[in-house]
Amino acid sequence: MLEKSYAIELAVDEDTGKVVGFIQAISDGVLSAYIPLLEVVPEYKGRGIGTALVQRIFERLRDLYMIDLLCDPELQTFYEKQGMSKASGMVIRHYQNQSGTVVG
């Protein structure tokens, strides 16, 4: 999933060497980027890992015109603290495919 990304940033636990968080961006490399995923392992939440990952990906995408993402309402405050603005959008969700496996 991450191999085909335009950019990714990883958070690694220095003691275990395990990836404990990541953020992914897909982009045309010219004008726009979309961030579909920011994930932090539950035991590591509340340590600033998500904030650091957002800051790192924003730095990598700084030359693009727009960086978009969609999130649930309870996450909007987090992204506002990162300098993003609320917007509206439209989506289709095929929850049966959420694991990445196509059903059918």
Protein backbone atom coordinates (compact mmCIF):
# COMPACT_ATOMS: atom_id res chain seq x y z
CA MET A 1 0.00 0.00 0.00
CA LEU A 2 2.74 2.47 0.90
CA GLU A 3 5.06 1.49 -1.96
CA LYS A 4 2.93 3.33 -4.53
CA SER A 5 2.69 6.51 -2.46
CA TYR A 6 4.12 9.84 -3.54
CA ALA A 7 5.54 10.34 -0.05
CA ILE A 8 5.46 8.54 3.27
CA GLU A 9 6.87 9.27 6.69
CA LEU A 10 7.38 6.59 9.31
CA ALA A 11 7.64 6.73 13.08
CA VAL A 12 9.89 4.00 14.46
CA ASP A 13 10.30 2.96 18.08
CA GLU A 14 14.05 3.29 18.61
CA ASP A 15 14.07 0.56 21.27
CA THR A 16 12.26 -2.12 19.26
CA GLY A 17 12.83 -0.98 15.67
CA LYS A 18 9.10 -1.41 14.99
CA VAL A 19 7.07 1.03 12.94
CA VAL A 20 4.58 2.66 15.32
CA GLY A 21 3.05 5.20 12.96
CA PHE A 22 2.97 6.42 9.39
CA ILE A 23 1.48 9.06 7.14
CA GLN A 24 0.93 8.68 3.42
CA ALA A 25 0.50 11.22 0.61
CA ILE A 26 -0.56 10.62 -2.96
CA SER A 27 0.10 13.38 -5.47
CA ASP A 28 0.51 14.40 -9.06
CA GLY A 29 3.83 15.91 -7.98
CA VAL A 30 2.90 19.25 -9.55
CA LEU A 31 -0.16 20.85 -7.98
CA SER A 32 -1.97 18.73 -5.44
CA ALA A 33 -1.58 16.09 -2.77
CA TYR A 34 -4.06 14.06 -0.81
CA ILE A 35 -3.35 12.47 2.56
CA PRO A 36 -5.46 9.32 2.86
CA LEU A 37 -3.88 7.86 5.98
CA LEU A 38 -2.29 8.93 9.24
CA GLU A 39 -2.03 6.00 11.62
CA VAL A 40 -0.40 5.61 15.03
CA VAL A 41 -0.39 2.35 16.99
CA PRO A 42 -2.87 2.82 19.87
CA GLU A 43 -0.28 2.27 22.62
CA TYR A 44 1.79 5.13 21.18
CA LYS A 45 -0.98 7.72 20.85
CA GLY A 46 -0.70 10.88 22.93
CA ARG A 47 3.08 11.15 22.50
CA GLY A 48 3.12 13.70 19.67
CA ILE A 49 3.86 11.10 17.00
CA GLY A 50 0.90 12.07 14.81
CA THR A 51 1.81 15.74 15.03
CA ALA A 52 5.43 15.02 14.09
CA LEU A 53 4.36 12.89 11.13
CA VAL A 54 2.01 15.61 9.86
CA GLN A 55 4.73 18.25 10.18
CA ARG A 56 7.22 16.08 8.31
CA ILE A 57 4.85 15.30 5.43
CA PHE A 58 3.78 18.96 5.18
CA GLU A 59 7.43 19.93 4.87
CA ARG A 60 7.89 17.46 2.02
CA LEU A 61 4.76 18.77 0.26
CA ARG A 62 5.44 22.48 0.85
CA ASP A 63 5.98 23.29 -2.84
CA LEU A 64 2.54 22.04 -3.89
CA TYR A 65 -0.48 24.32 -4.18
CA MET A 66 -2.91 22.20 -2.20
CA ILE A 67 -2.85 19.47 0.40
CA ASP A 68 -6.21 17.89 1.11
CA LEU A 69 -7.52 15.22 3.43
CA LEU A 70 -10.85 14.05 4.73
CA CYS A 71 -11.37 13.14 8.36
CA ASP A 72 -14.13 12.45 10.82
CA PRO A 73 -15.45 15.48 12.75
CA GLU A 74 -13.76 14.43 15.99
CA LEU A 75 -10.35 14.69 14.27
CA GLN A 76 -10.85 18.17 12.78
CA THR A 77 -9.47 19.96 15.85
CA PHE A 78 -6.24 17.96 15.55
CA TYR A 79 -5.77 19.00 11.93
CA GLU A 80 -6.71 22.61 12.63
CA LYS A 81 -3.84 22.67 15.15
CA GLN A 82 -1.60 21.58 12.26
CA GLY A 83 -2.64 24.63 10.22
CA MET A 84 -5.39 23.09 8.12
CA SER A 85 -8.84 24.61 7.53
CA LYS A 86 -12.22 22.91 7.60
CA ALA A 87 -13.79 22.23 4.22
CA SER A 88 -16.57 20.07 2.92
CA GLY A 89 -16.39 17.15 0.58
CA MET A 90 -18.18 14.13 -0.75
CA VAL A 91 -17.20 10.49 -0.38
CA ILE A 92 -18.17 6.94 -1.19
CA ARG A 93 -17.19 4.30 1.33
CA HIS A 94 -17.24 0.57 0.56
CA TYR A 95 -16.70 -0.57 4.15
CA GLN A 96 -16.62 -4.22 3.11
CA ASN A 97 -13.33 -3.40 1.31
CA GLN A 98 -11.74 -1.56 4.23
CA SER A 99 -9.17 -4.33 4.83
CA GLY A 100 -7.78 -3.76 1.34
CA THR A 101 -9.21 -7.02 0.04
CA VAL A 102 -11.78 -6.75 -2.71
CA VAL A 103 -14.88 -8.73 -1.86
CA GLY A 104 -16.82 -10.35 -4.67
